[in-house]
Amino acid sequence: MEIKPDELYTTEEAQSFLRISNSTIKRLIKNGLIKANKIGGRYRILGKDLLHAISPEVESRTANFYIKIKKKIKEKVEDW
């Protein structure tokens, strides 16, 4: 499975990615180790926050790659 930085995931999906229990994901959210927002009474977690929880280095490389691609696309569009 691939975690996409800009996707929203449920706690169940996050549990699956991280291979942790329901009580552990709740504890990580409660303690602020994973950022989550309540939407419609249920928590949603951004992919980039999951990547950061797995490895801050992976999340950083993903963000840098995204910024480079965005910059290249912007330059190409401006050339048109």
PDB file of N, CA and C in Angstrom:
ATOM      1  N   MET A   1       0.837  -1.189   0.000  1.00  0.00           N
ATOM      2  CA  MET A   1       0.000   0.000   0.000  1.00  0.00           C
ATOM      3  C   MET A   1       0.876   1.244   0.000  1.00  0.00           C
ATOM      4  N   GLU A   2       0.409   2.259  -0.677  1.00  0.00           N
ATOM      5  CA  GLU A   2       1.136   3.514  -0.768  1.00  0.00           C
ATOM      6  C   GLU A   2       0.373   4.593  -0.006  1.00  0.00           C
ATOM      7  N   ILE A   3       1.090   5.363   0.785  1.00  0.00           N
ATOM      8  CA  ILE A   3       0.494   6.482   1.498  1.00  0.00           C
ATOM      9  C   ILE A   3       0.721   7.728   0.662  1.00  0.00           C
ATOM     10  N   LYS A   4      -0.363   8.369   0.256  1.00  0.00           N
ATOM     11  CA  LYS A   4      -0.268   9.590  -0.545  1.00  0.00           C
ATOM     12  C   LYS A   4      -0.321  10.792   0.399  1.00  0.00           C
ATOM     13  N   PRO A   5       0.648  11.694   0.312  1.00  0.00           N
ATOM     14  CA  PRO A   5       0.755  12.809   1.255  1.00  0.00           C
ATOM     15  C   PRO A   5      -0.489  13.688   1.368  1.00  0.00           C
ATOM     16  N   ASP A   6      -1.204  13.891   0.269  1.00  0.00           N
ATOM     17  CA  ASP A   6      -2.345  14.809   0.291  1.00  0.00           C
ATOM     18  C   ASP A   6      -3.696  14.123   0.458  1.00  0.00           C
ATOM     19  N   GLU A   7      -3.695  12.823   0.686  1.00  0.00           N
ATOM     20  CA  GLU A   7      -4.939  12.079   0.904  1.00  0.00           C
ATOM     21  C   GLU A   7      -5.337  12.115   2.376  1.00  0.00           C
ATOM     22  N   LEU A   8      -6.639  12.020   2.617  1.00  0.00           N
ATOM     23  CA  LEU A   8      -7.145  11.881   3.984  1.00  0.00           C
ATOM     24  C   LEU A   8      -7.424  10.410   4.255  1.00  0.00           C
ATOM     25  N   TYR A   9      -7.027   9.954   5.436  1.00  0.00           N
ATOM     26  CA  TYR A   9      -7.223   8.558   5.805  1.00  0.00           C
ATOM     27  C   TYR A   9      -8.008   8.466   7.104  1.00  0.00           C
ATOM     28  N   THR A  10      -8.782   7.400   7.231  1.00  0.00           N
ATOM     29  CA  THR A  10      -9.512   7.135   8.473  1.00  0.00           C
ATOM     30  C   THR A  10      -8.539   6.524   9.479  1.00  0.00           C
ATOM     31  N   THR A  11      -8.974   6.436  10.723  1.00  0.00           N
ATOM     32  CA  THR A  11      -8.126   5.806  11.733  1.00  0.00           C
ATOM     33  C   THR A  11      -7.921   4.319  11.407  1.00  0.00           C
ATOM     34  N   GLU A  12      -8.928   3.692  10.819  1.00  0.00           N
ATOM     35  CA  GLU A  12      -8.814   2.284  10.451  1.00  0.00           C
ATOM     36  C   GLU A  12      -7.739   2.096   9.378  1.00  0.00           C
ATOM     37  N   GLU A  13      -7.727   2.987   8.389  1.00  0.00           N
ATOM     38  CA  GLU A  13      -6.710   2.903   7.340  1.00  0.00           C
ATOM     39  C   GLU A  13      -5.319   3.174   7.924  1.00  0.00           C
ATOM     40  N   ALA A  14      -5.233   4.151   8.821  1.00  0.00           N
ATOM     41  CA  ALA A  14      -3.952   4.473   9.464  1.00  0.00           C
ATOM     42  C   ALA A  14      -3.449   3.279  10.271  1.00  0.00           C
ATOM     43  N   GLN A  15      -4.348   2.617  10.984  1.00  0.00           N
ATOM     44  CA  GLN A  15      -3.987   1.420  11.741  1.00  0.00           C
ATOM     45  C   GLN A  15      -3.386   0.364  10.823  1.00  0.00           C
ATOM     46  N   SER A  16      -3.994   0.198   9.676  1.00  0.00           N
ATOM     47  CA  SER A  16      -3.526  -0.790   8.717  1.00  0.00           C
ATOM     48  C   SER A  16      -2.122  -0.441   8.209  1.00  0.00           C
ATOM     49  N   PHE A  17      -1.920   0.832   7.850  1.00  0.00           N
ATOM     50  CA  PHE A  17      -0.610   1.270   7.363  1.00  0.00           C
ATOM     51  C   PHE A  17       0.469   1.085   8.427  1.00  0.00           C
ATOM     52  N   LEU A  18       0.155   1.467   9.657  1.00  0.00           N
ATOM     53  CA  LEU A  18       1.138   1.447  10.733  1.00  0.00           C
ATOM     54  C   LEU A  18       1.215   0.100  11.450  1.00  0.00           C
ATOM     55  N   ARG A  19       0.219  -0.758  11.173  1.00  0.00           N
ATOM     56  CA  ARG A  19       0.131  -2.083  11.805  1.00  0.00           C
ATOM     57  C   ARG A  19       0.093  -1.967  13.334  1.00  0.00           C
ATOM     58  N   ILE A  20      -0.865  -1.155  13.784  1.00  0.00           N
ATOM     59  CA  ILE A  20      -1.053  -0.950  15.222  1.00  0.00           C
ATOM     60  C   ILE A  20      -2.524  -1.158  15.564  1.00  0.00           C
ATOM     61  N   SER A  21      -2.805  -1.260  16.854  1.00  0.00           N
ATOM     62  CA  SER A  21      -4.179  -1.502  17.303  1.00  0.00           C
ATOM     63  C   SER A  21      -4.981  -0.206  17.357  1.00  0.00           C
ATOM     64  N   ASN A  22      -6.282  -0.362  17.527  1.00  0.00           N
ATOM     65  CA  ASN A  22      -7.188   0.769  17.640  1.00  0.00           C
ATOM     66  C   ASN A  22      -6.834   1.643  18.847  1.00  0.00           C
ATOM     67  N   SER A  23      -6.532   1.002  19.971  1.00  0.00           N
ATOM     68  CA  SER A  23      -6.197   1.780  21.170  1.00  0.00           C
ATOM     69  C   SER A  23      -4.883   2.538  20.993  1.00  0.00           C
ATOM     70  N   THR A  24      -3.947   1.972  20.246  1.00  0.00           N
ATOM     71  CA  THR A  24      -2.669   2.648  20.017  1.00  0.00           C
ATOM     72  C   THR A  24      -2.844   3.870  19.133  1.00  0.00           C
ATOM     73  N   ILE A  25      -3.643   3.756  18.069  1.00  0.00           N
ATOM     74  CA  ILE A  25      -3.854   4.915  17.186  1.00  0.00           C
ATOM     75  C   ILE A  25      -4.541   6.033  17.945  1.00  0.00           C
ATOM     76  N   LYS A  26      -5.515   5.670  18.792  1.00  0.00           N
ATOM     77  CA  LYS A  26      -6.199   6.687  19.605  1.00  0.00           C
ATOM     78  C   LYS A  26      -5.228   7.370  20.557  1.00  0.00           C
ATOM     79  N   ARG A  27      -4.345   6.601  21.164  1.00  0.00           N
ATOM     80  CA  ARG A  27      -3.362   7.151  22.096  1.00  0.00           C
ATOM     81  C   ARG A  27      -2.384   8.083  21.368  1.00  0.00           C
ATOM     82  N   LEU A  28      -1.941   7.695  20.174  1.00  0.00           N
ATOM     83  CA  LEU A  28      -1.027   8.529  19.397  1.00  0.00           C
ATOM     84  C   LEU A  28      -1.674   9.856  19.013  1.00  0.00           C
ATOM     85  N   ILE A  29      -2.954   9.807  18.654  1.00  0.00           N
ATOM     86  CA  ILE A  29      -3.688  11.030  18.308  1.00  0.00           C
ATOM     87  C   ILE A  29      -3.880  11.891  19.551  1.00  0.00           C
ATOM     88  N   LYS A  30      -4.301  11.275  20.637  1.00  0.00           N
ATOM     89  CA  LYS A  30      -4.544  12.007  21.885  1.00  0.00           C
ATOM     90  C   LYS A  30      -3.277  12.697  22.388  1.00  0.00           C
ATOM     91  N   ASN A  31      -2.129  12.029  22.267  1.00  0.00           N
ATOM     92  CA  ASN A  31      -0.870  12.587  22.730  1.00  0.00           C
ATOM     93  C   ASN A  31      -0.215  13.521  21.713  1.00  0.00           C
ATOM     94  N   GLY A  32      -0.851  13.707  20.563  1.00  0.00           N
ATOM     95  CA  GLY A  32      -0.343  14.630  19.562  1.00  0.00           C
ATOM     96  C   GLY A  32       0.810  14.094  18.728  1.00  0.00           C
ATOM     97  N   LEU A  33       1.062  12.802  18.804  1.00  0.00           N
ATOM     98  CA  LEU A  33       2.145  12.226  18.011  1.00  0.00           C
ATOM     99  C   LEU A  33       1.740  12.044  16.550  1.00  0.00           C
ATOM    100  N   ILE A  34       0.443  11.937  16.321  1.00  0.00           N
ATOM    101  CA  ILE A  34      -0.111  11.944  14.971  1.00  0.00           C
ATOM    102  C   ILE A  34      -1.188  13.023  14.953  1.00  0.00           C
ATOM    103  N   LYS A  35      -1.071  13.941  14.000  1.00  0.00           N
ATOM    104  CA  LYS A  35      -2.073  14.993  13.866  1.00  0.00           C
ATOM    105  C   LYS A  35      -3.316  14.413  13.195  1.00  0.00           C
ATOM    106  N   ALA A  36      -4.471  14.780  13.728  1.00  0.00           N
ATOM    107  CA  ALA A  36      -5.730  14.311  13.156  1.00  0.00           C
ATOM    108  C   ALA A  36      -6.789  15.386  13.360  1.00  0.00           C
ATOM    109  N   ASN A  37      -7.748  15.425  12.448  1.00  0.00           N
ATOM    110  CA  ASN A  37      -8.862  16.364  12.539  1.00  0.00           C
ATOM    111  C   ASN A  37     -10.163  15.586  12.542  1.00  0.00           C
ATOM    112  N   LYS A  38     -11.102  16.068  13.340  1.00  0.00           N
ATOM    113  CA  LYS A  38     -12.412  15.424  13.360  1.00  0.00           C
ATOM    114  C   LYS A  38     -13.274  16.022  12.258  1.00  0.00           C
ATOM    115  N   ILE A  39     -13.797  15.146  11.435  1.00  0.00           N
ATOM    116  CA  ILE A  39     -14.695  15.533  10.351  1.00  0.00           C
ATOM    117  C   ILE A  39     -15.906  14.626  10.454  1.00  0.00           C
ATOM    118  N   GLY A  40     -17.054  15.228  10.678  1.00  0.00           N
ATOM    119  CA  GLY A  40     -18.274  14.432  10.807  1.00  0.00           C
ATOM    120  C   GLY A  40     -18.233  13.477  11.981  1.00  0.00           C
ATOM    121  N   GLY A  41     -17.562  13.861  13.048  1.00  0.00           N
ATOM    122  CA  GLY A  41     -17.510  13.028  14.233  1.00  0.00           C
ATOM    123  C   GLY A  41     -16.465  11.925  14.200  1.00  0.00           C
ATOM    124  N   ARG A  42     -15.720  11.827  13.098  1.00  0.00           N
ATOM    125  CA  ARG A  42     -14.680  10.790  12.974  1.00  0.00           C
ATOM    126  C   ARG A  42     -13.357  11.455  12.629  1.00  0.00           C
ATOM    127  N   TYR A  43     -12.288  10.871  13.118  1.00  0.00           N
ATOM    128  CA  TYR A  43     -10.966  11.416  12.836  1.00  0.00           C
ATOM    129  C   TYR A  43     -10.534  11.113  11.411  1.00  0.00           C
ATOM    130  N   ARG A  44      -9.847  12.102  10.817  1.00  0.00           N
ATOM    131  CA  ARG A  44      -9.217  11.943   9.510  1.00  0.00           C
ATOM    132  C   ARG A  44      -7.767  12.390   9.668  1.00  0.00           C
ATOM    133  N   ILE A  45      -6.871  11.656   9.025  1.00  0.00           N
ATOM    134  CA  ILE A  45      -5.445  11.906   9.160  1.00  0.00           C
ATOM    135  C   ILE A  45      -4.858  12.120   7.765  1.00  0.00           C
ATOM    136  N   LEU A  46      -4.095  13.193   7.606  1.00  0.00           N
ATOM    137  CA  LEU A  46      -3.438  13.453   6.332  1.00  0.00           C
ATOM    138  C   LEU A  46      -2.304  12.448   6.122  1.00  0.00           C
ATOM    139  N   GLY A  47      -2.130  12.056   4.877  1.00  0.00           N
ATOM    140  CA  GLY A  47      -1.070  11.116   4.543  1.00  0.00           C
ATOM    141  C   GLY A  47       0.302  11.600   4.967  1.00  0.00           C
ATOM    142  N   LYS A  48       0.547  12.908   4.827  1.00  0.00           N
ATOM    143  CA  LYS A  48       1.866  13.429   5.208  1.00  0.00           C
ATOM    144  C   LYS A  48       2.118  13.255   6.708  1.00  0.00           C
ATOM    145  N   ASP A  49       1.066  13.292   7.517  1.00  0.00           N
ATOM    146  CA  ASP A  49       1.233  13.079   8.952  1.00  0.00           C
ATOM    147  C   ASP A  49       1.530  11.607   9.256  1.00  0.00           C
ATOM    148  N   LEU A  50       0.962  10.708   8.463  1.00  0.00           N
ATOM    149  CA  LEU A  50       1.285   9.292   8.612  1.00  0.00           C
ATOM    150  C   LEU A  50       2.734   9.029   8.199  1.00  0.00           C
ATOM    151  N   LEU A  51       3.145   9.655   7.089  1.00  0.00           N
ATOM    152  CA  LEU A  51       4.524   9.497   6.642  1.00  0.00           C
ATOM    153  C   LEU A  51       5.498  10.011   7.693  1.00  0.00           C
ATOM    154  N   HIS A  52       5.133  11.125   8.311  1.00  0.00           N
ATOM    155  CA  HIS A  52       5.987  11.688   9.355  1.00  0.00           C
ATOM    156  C   HIS A  52       6.062  10.747  10.562  1.00  0.00           C
ATOM    157  N   ALA A  53       4.956  10.103  10.884  1.00  0.00           N
ATOM    158  CA  ALA A  53       4.948   9.175  12.014  1.00  0.00           C
ATOM    159  C   ALA A  53       5.825   7.955  11.721  1.00  0.00           C
ATOM    160  N   ILE A  54       5.813   7.512  10.480  1.00  0.00           N
ATOM    161  CA  ILE A  54       6.631   6.363  10.090  1.00  0.00           C
ATOM    162  C   ILE A  54       8.105   6.745  10.092  1.00  0.00           C
ATOM    163  N   SER A  55       8.400   7.859   9.426  1.00  0.00           N
ATOM    164  CA  SER A  55       9.787   8.304   9.330  1.00  0.00           C
ATOM    165  C   SER A  55       9.797   9.763   8.916  1.00  0.00           C
ATOM    166  N   PRO A  56      10.265  10.635   9.780  1.00  0.00           N
ATOM    167  CA  PRO A  56      10.348  12.056   9.408  1.00  0.00           C
ATOM    168  C   PRO A  56      11.180  12.268   8.147  1.00  0.00           C
ATOM    169  N   GLU A  57      12.173  11.420   7.927  1.00  0.00           N
ATOM    170  CA  GLU A  57      13.028  11.554   6.743  1.00  0.00           C
ATOM    171  C   GLU A  57      12.243  11.264   5.463  1.00  0.00           C
ATOM    172  N   VAL A  58      11.419  10.224   5.475  1.00  0.00           N
ATOM    173  CA  VAL A  58      10.612   9.866   4.308  1.00  0.00           C
ATOM    174  C   VAL A  58       9.643  10.998   3.993  1.00  0.00           C
ATOM    175  N   GLU A  59       9.002  11.530   5.005  1.00  0.00           N
ATOM    176  CA  GLU A  59       8.050  12.617   4.814  1.00  0.00           C
ATOM    177  C   GLU A  59       8.749  13.829   4.225  1.00  0.00           C
ATOM    178  N   SER A  60       9.925  14.135   4.688  1.00  0.00           N
ATOM    179  CA  SER A  60      10.690  15.283   4.198  1.00  0.00           C
ATOM    180  C   SER A  60      11.072  15.097   2.733  1.00  0.00           C
ATOM    181  N   ARG A  61      11.540  13.901   2.373  1.00  0.00           N
ATOM    182  CA  ARG A  61      11.906  13.643   0.976  1.00  0.00           C
ATOM    183  C   ARG A  61      10.685  13.738   0.071  1.00  0.00           C
ATOM    184  N   THR A  62       9.558  13.236   0.528  1.00  0.00           N
ATOM    185  CA  THR A  62       8.323  13.303  -0.260  1.00  0.00           C
ATOM    186  C   THR A  62       7.906  14.752  -0.485  1.00  0.00           C
ATOM    187  N   ALA A  63       7.968  15.554   0.553  1.00  0.00           N
ATOM    188  CA  ALA A  63       7.603  16.967   0.440  1.00  0.00           C
ATOM    189  C   ALA A  63       8.540  17.700  -0.516  1.00  0.00           C
ATOM    190  N   ASN A  64       9.834  17.435  -0.418  1.00  0.00           N
ATOM    191  CA  ASN A  64      10.799  18.086  -1.314  1.00  0.00           C
ATOM    192  C   ASN A  64      10.569  17.693  -2.765  1.00  0.00           C
ATOM    193  N   PHE A  65      10.279  16.421  -2.998  1.00  0.00           N
ATOM    194  CA  PHE A  65       9.995  15.952  -4.348  1.00  0.00           C
ATOM    195  C   PHE A  65       8.758  16.646  -4.908  1.00  0.00           C
ATOM    196  N   TYR A  66       7.715  16.746  -4.097  1.00  0.00           N
ATOM    197  CA  TYR A  66       6.475  17.407  -4.513  1.00  0.00           C
ATOM    198  C   TYR A  66       6.740  18.867  -4.865  1.00  0.00           C
ATOM    199  N   ILE A  67       7.533  19.558  -4.065  1.00  0.00           N
ATOM    200  CA  ILE A  67       7.844  20.977  -4.307  1.00  0.00           C
ATOM    201  C   ILE A  67       8.605  21.143  -5.620  1.00  0.00           C
ATOM    202  N   LYS A  68       9.564  20.245  -5.892  1.00  0.00           N
ATOM    203  CA  LYS A  68      10.323  20.314  -7.146  1.00  0.00           C
ATOM    204  C   LYS A  68       9.411  20.131  -8.348  1.00  0.00           C
ATOM    205  N   ILE A  69       8.536  19.130  -8.281  1.00  0.00           N
ATOM    206  CA  ILE A  69       7.615  18.860  -9.396  1.00  0.00           C
ATOM    207  C   ILE A  69       6.681  20.046  -9.603  1.00  0.00           C
ATOM    208  N   LYS A  70       6.159  20.592  -8.523  1.00  0.00           N
ATOM    209  CA  LYS A  70       5.243  21.736  -8.608  1.00  0.00           C
ATOM    210  C   LYS A  70       5.946  22.931  -9.256  1.00  0.00           C
ATOM    211  N   LYS A  71       7.198  23.156  -8.879  1.00  0.00           N
ATOM    212  CA  LYS A  71       7.965  24.278  -9.441  1.00  0.00           C
ATOM    213  C   LYS A  71       8.180  24.084 -10.941  1.00  0.00           C
ATOM    214  N   LYS A  72       8.532  22.859 -11.358  1.00  0.00           N
ATOM    215  CA  LYS A  72       8.748  22.586 -12.779  1.00  0.00           C
ATOM    216  C   LYS A  72       7.473  22.785 -13.588  1.00  0.00           C
ATOM    217  N   ILE A  73       6.358  22.319 -13.053  1.00  0.00           N
ATOM    218  CA  ILE A  73       5.081  22.484 -13.747  1.00  0.00           C
ATOM    219  C   ILE A  73       4.738  23.963 -13.879  1.00  0.00           C
ATOM    220  N   LYS A  74       4.959  24.712 -12.809  1.00  0.00           N
ATOM    221  CA  LYS A  74       4.670  26.146 -12.830  1.00  0.00           C
ATOM    222  C   LYS A  74       5.522  26.851 -13.886  1.00  0.00           C
ATOM    223  N   GLU A  75       6.794  26.494 -13.991  1.00  0.00           N
ATOM    224  CA  GLU A  75       7.678  27.089 -14.998  1.00  0.00           C
ATOM    225  C   GLU A  75       7.208  26.764 -16.404  1.00  0.00           C
ATOM    226  N   LYS A  76       6.785  25.517 -16.630  1.00  0.00           N
ATOM    227  CA  LYS A  76       6.302  25.115 -17.962  1.00  0.00           C
ATOM    228  C   LYS A  76       5.027  25.875 -18.333  1.00  0.00           C
ATOM    229  N   VAL A  77       4.137  26.025 -17.391  1.00  0.00           N
ATOM    230  CA  VAL A  77       2.886  26.742 -17.656  1.00  0.00           C
ATOM    231  C   VAL A  77       3.168  28.199 -17.982  1.00  0.00           C
ATOM    232  N   GLU A  78       4.101  28.800 -17.261  1.00  0.00           N
ATOM    233  CA  GLU A  78       4.445  30.201 -17.525  1.00  0.00           C
ATOM    234  C   GLU A  78       5.055  30.380 -18.910  1.00  0.00           C
ATOM    235  N   ASP A  79       5.773  29.365 -19.407  1.00  0.00           N
ATOM    236  CA  ASP A  79       6.379  29.416 -20.751  1.00  0.00           C
ATOM    237  C   ASP A  79       5.329  29.387 -21.852  1.00  0.00           C
ATOM    238  N   TRP A  80       4.168  28.831 -21.589  1.00  0.00           N
ATOM    239  CA  TRP A  80       3.101  28.748 -22.587  1.00  0.00           C
ATOM    240  C   TRP A  80       2.575  30.117 -22.824  1.00  0.00           C
TER     241      TRP A  80
END
